[in-house]
Structures are given as structure tokens and as C-alpha cells.
C-alpha atoms as a PDB file:
ATOM      1  CA  MET A   1     131.008-123.955 197.032  1.00  0.00           C
ATOM      2  CA  ILE A   2     133.190-121.442 198.791  1.00  0.00           C
ATOM      3  CA  GLN A   3     135.946-119.668 197.148  1.00  0.00           C
ATOM      4  CA  GLY A   4     139.182-119.413 199.295  1.00  0.00           C
ATOM      5  CA  ILE A   5     142.305-117.522 199.031  1.00  0.00           C
ATOM      6  CA  PHE A   6     146.041-118.386 198.977  1.00  0.00           C
ATOM      7  CA  GLY A   7     148.203-116.833 201.686  1.00  0.00           C
ATOM      8  CA  SER A   8     151.567-115.408 201.057  1.00  0.00           C
ATOM      9  CA  GLU A   9     153.301-118.734 201.854  1.00  0.00           C
ATOM     10  CA  GLY A  10     150.989-120.923 200.042  1.00  0.00           C
ATOM     11  CA  GLN A  11     148.372-121.495 202.920  1.00  0.00           C
ATOM     12  CA  LEU A  12     144.779-122.226 202.069  1.00  0.00           C
ATOM     13  CA  PHE A  13     142.294-120.008 203.667  1.00  0.00           C
ATOM     14  CA  PHE A  14     138.379-120.059 203.708  1.00  0.00           C
ATOM     15  CA  GLU A  15     135.944-117.874 205.269  1.00  0.00           C
ATOM     16  CA  LEU A  16     133.151-119.552 207.619  1.00  0.00           C
ATOM     17  CA  ASP A  17     130.904-118.451 210.234  1.00  0.00           C
ATOM     18  CA  LEU A  18     131.134-119.580 213.939  1.00  0.00           C
ATOM     19  CA  ILE A  19     127.788-119.718 215.315  1.00  0.00           C
ATOM     20  CA  THR A  20     127.380-118.629 219.007  1.00  0.00           C
ATOM     21  CA  ASN A  21     124.946-120.443 221.333  1.00  0.00           C
ATOM     22  CA  ASP A  22     122.891-117.579 221.022  1.00  0.00           C
ATOM     23  CA  GLY A  23     122.719-117.942 217.308  1.00  0.00           C
ATOM     24  CA  LEU A  24     125.016-115.164 216.365  1.00  0.00           C
ATOM     25  CA  ASN A  25     127.263-115.693 213.261  1.00  0.00           C
ATOM     26  CA  LEU A  26     130.864-114.555 213.548  1.00  0.00           C
ATOM     27  CA  PRO A  27     132.720-114.702 210.399  1.00  0.00           C
ATOM     28  CA  VAL A  28     136.336-115.679 210.454  1.00  0.00           C
ATOM     29  CA  ASP A  29     139.217-116.924 208.069  1.00  0.00           C
ATOM     30  CA  ALA A  30     140.126-120.498 208.817  1.00  0.00           C
ATOM     31  CA  MET A  31     143.388-122.180 207.419  1.00  0.00           C
ATOM     32  CA  LEU A  32     143.051-125.652 205.933  1.00  0.00           C
ATOM     33  CA  ASP A  33     145.559-127.938 207.679  1.00  0.00           C
ATOM     34  CA  THR A  34     145.691-131.464 206.138  1.00  0.00           C
ATOM     35  CA  GLY A  35     147.932-132.604 208.970  1.00  0.00           C
ATOM     36  CA  PHE A  36     145.042-131.977 211.366  1.00  0.00           C
ATOM     37  CA  THR A  37     142.529-134.977 211.058  1.00  0.00           C
ATOM     38  CA  GLY A  38     139.546-133.437 212.935  1.00  0.00           C
ATOM     39  CA  PHE A  39     137.076-130.793 211.630  1.00  0.00           C
ATOM     40  CA  LEU A  40     137.979-127.540 213.520  1.00  0.00           C
ATOM     41  CA  ALA A  41     140.555-126.415 215.833  1.00  0.00           C
ATOM     42  CA  ILE A  42     140.576-123.112 217.777  1.00  0.00           C
ATOM     43  CA  ASN A  43     142.503-121.242 220.443  1.00  0.00           C
ATOM     44  CA  LYS A  44     140.845-121.560 223.968  1.00  0.00           C
ATOM     45  CA  GLN A  45     140.585-117.737 224.203  1.00  0.00           C
ATOM     46  CA  ASP A  46     138.419-117.517 221.119  1.00  0.00           C
ATOM     47  CA  LEU A  47     135.912-119.725 222.795  1.00  0.00           C
ATOM     48  CA  ASP A  48     134.642-117.307 225.360  1.00  0.00           C
ATOM     49  CA  SER A  49     132.129-115.510 223.176  1.00  0.00           C
ATOM     50  CA  LEU A  50     130.885-118.613 221.577  1.00  0.00           C
ATOM     51  CA  ASP A  51     129.475-120.321 224.713  1.00  0.00           C
ATOM     52  CA  TRP A  52     129.830-123.901 223.026  1.00  0.00           C
ATOM     53  CA  ILE A  53     129.049-126.876 225.129  1.00  0.00           C
ATOM     54  CA  TYR A  54     132.156-128.546 226.709  1.00  0.00           C
ATOM     55  CA  ILE A  55     132.263-132.291 226.008  1.00  0.00           C
ATOM     56  CA  GLY A  56     135.490-133.230 227.629  1.00  0.00           C
ATOM     57  CA  LYS A  57     139.292-133.872 226.984  1.00  0.00           C
ATOM     58  CA  GLU A  58     140.978-135.724 224.153  1.00  0.00           C
ATOM     59  CA  ARG A  59     144.528-136.658 223.304  1.00  0.00           C
ATOM     60  CA  LEU A  60     145.760-135.758 219.770  1.00  0.00           C
ATOM     61  CA  ARG A  61     149.163-136.001 218.211  1.00  0.00           C
ATOM     62  CA  THR A  62     150.323-132.905 216.888  1.00  0.00           C
ATOM     63  CA  ALA A  63     153.681-131.799 215.252  1.00  0.00           C
ATOM     64  CA  GLN A  64     155.024-131.049 218.869  1.00  0.00           C
ATOM     65  CA  GLY A  65     153.937-134.465 220.218  1.00  0.00           C
ATOM     66  CA  GLU A  66     151.021-135.782 221.807  1.00  0.00           C
ATOM     67  CA  THR A  67     148.774-133.123 223.741  1.00  0.00           C
ATOM     68  CA  LYS A  68     145.483-133.060 225.500  1.00  0.00           C
ATOM     69  CA  PHE A  69     142.814-130.821 224.084  1.00  0.00           C
ATOM     70  CA  SER A  70     139.506-129.645 225.374  1.00  0.00           C
ATOM     71  CA  THR A  71     136.742-130.857 222.987  1.00  0.00           C
ATOM     72  CA  TYR A  72     133.423-128.678 222.481  1.00  0.00           C
ATOM     73  CA  SER A  73     130.249-129.309 220.599  1.00  0.00           C
ATOM     74  CA  GLY A  74     130.256-126.229 218.054  1.00  0.00           C
ATOM     75  CA  LYS A  75     128.184-125.147 215.240  1.00  0.00           C
ATOM     76  CA  ILE A  76     129.574-123.421 212.039  1.00  0.00           C
ATOM     77  CA  LEU A  77     128.307-122.114 208.787  1.00  0.00           C
ATOM     78  CA  LEU A  78     130.369-123.342 205.817  1.00  0.00           C
ATOM     79  CA  ASP A  79     129.312-123.070 202.192  1.00  0.00           C
ATOM     80  CA  GLU A  80     125.680-121.928 203.306  1.00  0.00           C
ATOM     81  CA  GLN A  81     125.259-125.159 205.474  1.00  0.00           C
ATOM     82  CA  GLU A  82     125.225-125.518 209.016  1.00  0.00           C
ATOM     83  CA  TYR A  83     127.234-128.181 210.676  1.00  0.00           C
ATOM     84  CA  GLN A  84     127.392-129.364 214.266  1.00  0.00           C
ATOM     85  CA  ILE A  85     130.888-130.490 214.969  1.00  0.00           C
ATOM     86  CA  PRO A  86     133.385-131.475 217.583  1.00  0.00           C
ATOM     87  CA  VAL A  87     135.620-128.646 217.907  1.00  0.00           C
ATOM     88  CA  TYR A  88     139.273-128.893 219.579  1.00  0.00           C
ATOM     89  CA  ALA A  89     140.708-126.198 221.679  1.00  0.00           C
ATOM     90  CA  GLY A  90     144.184-125.607 222.867  1.00  0.00           C
ATOM     91  CA  ASP A  91     146.371-122.755 224.004  1.00  0.00           C
ATOM     92  CA  GLU A  92     148.891-123.419 221.272  1.00  0.00           C
ATOM     93  CA  ILE A  93     146.583-123.043 218.423  1.00  0.00           C
ATOM     94  CA  THR A  94     147.398-119.935 216.812  1.00  0.00           C
ATOM     95  CA  GLU A  95     145.120-119.968 213.642  1.00  0.00           C
ATOM     96  CA  ILE A  96     141.508-121.273 213.402  1.00  0.00           C
ATOM     97  CA  LEU A  97     142.126-124.571 211.557  1.00  0.00           C
ATOM     98  CA  LEU A  98     139.873-126.539 209.266  1.00  0.00           C
ATOM     99  CA  GLY A  99     141.058-130.369 209.367  1.00  0.00           C
ATOM    100  CA  SER A 100     141.284-132.905 206.684  1.00  0.00           C
ATOM    101  CA  LYS A 101     137.985-134.461 208.000  1.00  0.00           C
ATOM    102  CA  TRP A 102     136.150-132.039 205.613  1.00  0.00           C
ATOM    103  CA  LEU A 103     137.872-133.510 202.597  1.00  0.00           C
ATOM    104  CA  LYS A 104     135.795-136.730 203.203  1.00  0.00           C
ATOM    105  CA  ILE A 105     132.603-134.846 202.573  1.00  0.00           C
ATOM    106  CA  LEU A 106     133.474-131.682 200.626  1.00  0.00           C
ATOM    107  CA  PRO A 107     135.742-131.471 197.451  1.00  0.00           C
ATOM    108  CA  LEU A 108     138.795-129.346 197.411  1.00  0.00           C
ATOM    109  CA  VAL A 109     140.028-127.655 194.097  1.00  0.00           C
ATOM    110  CA  ALA A 110     143.484-125.908 194.534  1.00  0.00           C
ATOM    111  CA  ASN A 111     145.228-124.620 191.477  1.00  0.00           C
ATOM    112  CA  TYR A 112     148.018-122.210 192.413  1.00  0.00           C
ATOM    113  CA  GLN A 113     148.847-121.261 188.790  1.00  0.00           C
ATOM    114  CA  ALA A 114     145.113-120.317 188.038  1.00  0.00           C
ATOM    115  CA  GLY A 115     144.645-118.913 191.345  1.00  0.00           C
ATOM    116  CA  LEU A 116     141.571-121.189 191.928  1.00  0.00           C
ATOM    117  CA  LEU A 117     140.772-122.363 195.287  1.00  0.00           C
ATOM    118  CA  THR A 118     137.340-123.836 196.206  1.00  0.00           C
ATOM    119  CA  LEU A 119     135.820-126.070 198.868  1.00  0.00           C
ATOM    120  CA  GLY A 120     132.463-127.593 198.355  1.00  0.00           C
END
């Protein structure tokens, strides 16, 4: 189980490690976005140092409408477990996003009043 933090506007942030193709772990804070139905979304510029394998393009619906995203096979470390997942990359993504697909395999507890935020 990993502890998260609440952002100043109620956002849910969790720390995870992006694992480069060379096996280097890069710790980052990712925001949970329940409107995003994938596992992970990242800005294209952040991909350069990861050297993840390109899979192709995929159309996804966002708040701004339908957009084409590049898809990569990425590896992350979350809650002390490695996951090989599809990662969506786009120029318009400003935060590293955890999507709602995680909620199908990991329980989320968010209690603002108690200051409790956990995933896993």
C-alpha cells in the first residue's frame, strides 16, 4: 500500500518509479485522474530518457475531444511491484497521470477529513 498526498485543490498524488529501458528507477509524483481510463499518461518530452518501446498510435477521448496519442510499452514500480503497462504519450499532457484502470486491481482509500490517502 502506498501513501498519497492531497494537492492544494484536492488532487490525489502518488509517488511511483518510472523504470527506464536500462533498469534505472526515476521517482515521480503522478496525479490520479479517474476520467482517464488507461493506466498511465505522460508528456512526450518526458519519454526521451525512458527509452520505452513504441507500440503505435491510438485515438482516445479527452475533455478537449478526440485526440491521437502515441502508445508505448512502459515499466513502472508502484506499491513495490513492477508493472509492464501501455503508456499513452501526448504533447498536451501536463502532469503524469494515473488512470482509473488501476482501481480495477488496487483499492483506493481517500478520506479528506482524516488526511488519509492510500492506493493498494
